[in-house]
Amino acid sequence: VQQVFQQLFYMINAVALNNLLLRKDVCSWSTGMQLRFNISQLEEWLRGKNLQQSGAAQMLELLIQAAQLLQLKKKTLEDAEAICSMCTLLTTQQV
């Protein structure tokens, strides 16, 4: 059961991240907020079903970083440094 949910959350992560990378129209602050809310709902559901140790939540780490990136300011050098320190799992091309 744990492996099934781990794979399911991997697929959710892959599809959502690919859509973010391929569709510039969804790359906005509000999309980042909505993604973060939806991810927190998924994490809460995992906790409610006692599946937090399944590794499924770790599958969403890339998507969490992408959502946080969409929410950050991107105007100054300090903003760029914050992006570099926060986006440890995303590649340069993904950022």
Protein backbone atom coordinates (compact mmCIF):
# COMPACT_ATOMS: atom_id res chain seq x y z
CA VAL A 1 0.00 0.00 0.00
CA GLN A 2 2.81 2.40 0.86
CA GLN A 3 4.53 1.75 -2.45
CA VAL A 4 1.30 2.37 -4.36
CA PHE A 5 0.85 5.77 -2.72
CA GLN A 6 4.51 6.60 -3.23
CA GLN A 7 4.12 5.92 -6.96
CA LEU A 8 0.84 7.82 -7.11
CA PHE A 9 2.38 10.89 -5.49
CA TYR A 10 5.39 10.58 -7.81
CA MET A 11 3.01 10.75 -10.78
CA ILE A 12 1.17 13.74 -9.30
CA ASN A 13 4.51 15.49 -8.87
CA ALA A 14 5.70 14.65 -12.39
CA VAL A 15 2.52 15.78 -14.15
CA ALA A 16 2.20 19.01 -12.16
CA LEU A 17 5.88 19.93 -12.52
CA ASN A 18 5.84 19.18 -16.26
CA ASN A 19 2.79 21.42 -16.68
CA LEU A 20 4.58 24.22 -14.83
CA LEU A 21 7.66 23.84 -17.00
CA LEU A 22 5.77 23.65 -20.29
CA ARG A 23 2.98 26.20 -19.74
CA LYS A 24 4.09 29.73 -18.97
CA ASP A 25 0.47 30.83 -18.49
CA VAL A 26 0.26 28.87 -15.22
CA CYS A 27 3.52 30.24 -13.79
CA SER A 28 2.16 32.89 -11.45
CA TRP A 29 2.08 33.81 -7.79
CA SER A 30 -1.54 32.67 -7.46
CA THR A 31 -0.72 29.28 -8.99
CA GLY A 32 2.08 28.90 -6.45
CA MET A 33 -0.36 29.65 -3.64
CA GLN A 34 -2.91 27.17 -4.99
CA LEU A 35 -0.24 24.48 -5.43
CA ARG A 36 1.02 24.95 -1.89
CA PHE A 37 -2.52 24.71 -0.52
CA ASN A 38 -3.24 21.55 -2.53
CA ILE A 39 0.04 19.96 -1.45
CA SER A 40 -0.74 20.71 2.19
CA GLN A 41 -4.14 19.04 1.71
CA LEU A 42 -2.43 15.94 0.30
CA GLU A 43 0.02 15.90 3.21
CA GLU A 44 -2.85 16.24 5.68
CA TRP A 45 -4.66 13.36 3.98
CA LEU A 46 -1.54 11.20 4.30
CA ARG A 47 -1.32 12.00 8.02
CA GLY A 48 -5.01 11.18 8.45
CA LYS A 49 -4.49 7.78 6.83
CA ASN A 50 -1.26 7.11 8.79
CA LEU A 51 0.76 7.02 5.57
CA GLN A 52 3.23 9.80 6.42
CA GLN A 53 6.02 7.21 6.74
CA SER A 54 5.31 5.78 3.27
CA GLY A 55 7.64 8.22 1.52
CA ALA A 56 4.78 9.59 -0.57
CA ALA A 57 5.13 13.10 0.85
CA GLN A 58 8.82 13.15 -0.11
CA MET A 59 7.76 12.63 -3.72
CA LEU A 60 6.22 16.12 -3.63
CA GLU A 61 9.39 17.96 -2.57
CA LEU A 62 10.18 19.19 -6.10
CA LEU A 63 6.67 20.50 -6.49
CA ILE A 64 6.85 22.22 -3.10
CA GLN A 65 10.04 24.00 -4.15
CA ALA A 66 8.47 25.00 -7.47
CA ALA A 67 5.44 26.41 -5.66
CA GLN A 68 7.69 28.34 -3.28
CA LEU A 69 9.68 29.65 -6.25
CA LEU A 70 6.50 30.99 -7.84
CA GLN A 71 5.71 32.84 -4.61
CA LEU A 72 9.11 34.53 -4.24
CA LYS A 73 9.99 38.02 -5.41
CA LYS A 74 12.45 37.92 -8.28
CA LYS A 75 13.76 41.46 -8.62
CA THR A 76 16.99 41.92 -6.64
CA LEU A 77 20.26 40.13 -6.09
CA GLU A 78 19.08 39.15 -2.61
CA ASP A 79 16.02 37.53 -4.21
CA ALA A 80 18.32 35.54 -6.49
CA GLU A 81 20.37 34.38 -3.50
CA ALA A 82 17.19 33.31 -1.71
CA ILE A 83 16.16 31.32 -4.77
CA CYS A 84 19.55 29.59 -4.91
CA SER A 85 19.42 28.65 -1.24
CA MET A 86 15.81 27.44 -1.36
CA CYS A 87 15.73 25.52 -4.65
CA THR A 88 18.18 22.78 -3.79
CA LEU A 89 16.32 20.00 -5.61
CA LEU A 90 15.42 21.90 -8.78
CA THR A 91 17.92 22.04 -11.59
CA THR A 92 19.10 25.33 -13.09
CA GLN A 93 16.96 24.73 -16.17
CA GLN A 94 13.87 24.07 -14.06
CA VAL A 95 14.40 27.31 -12.12
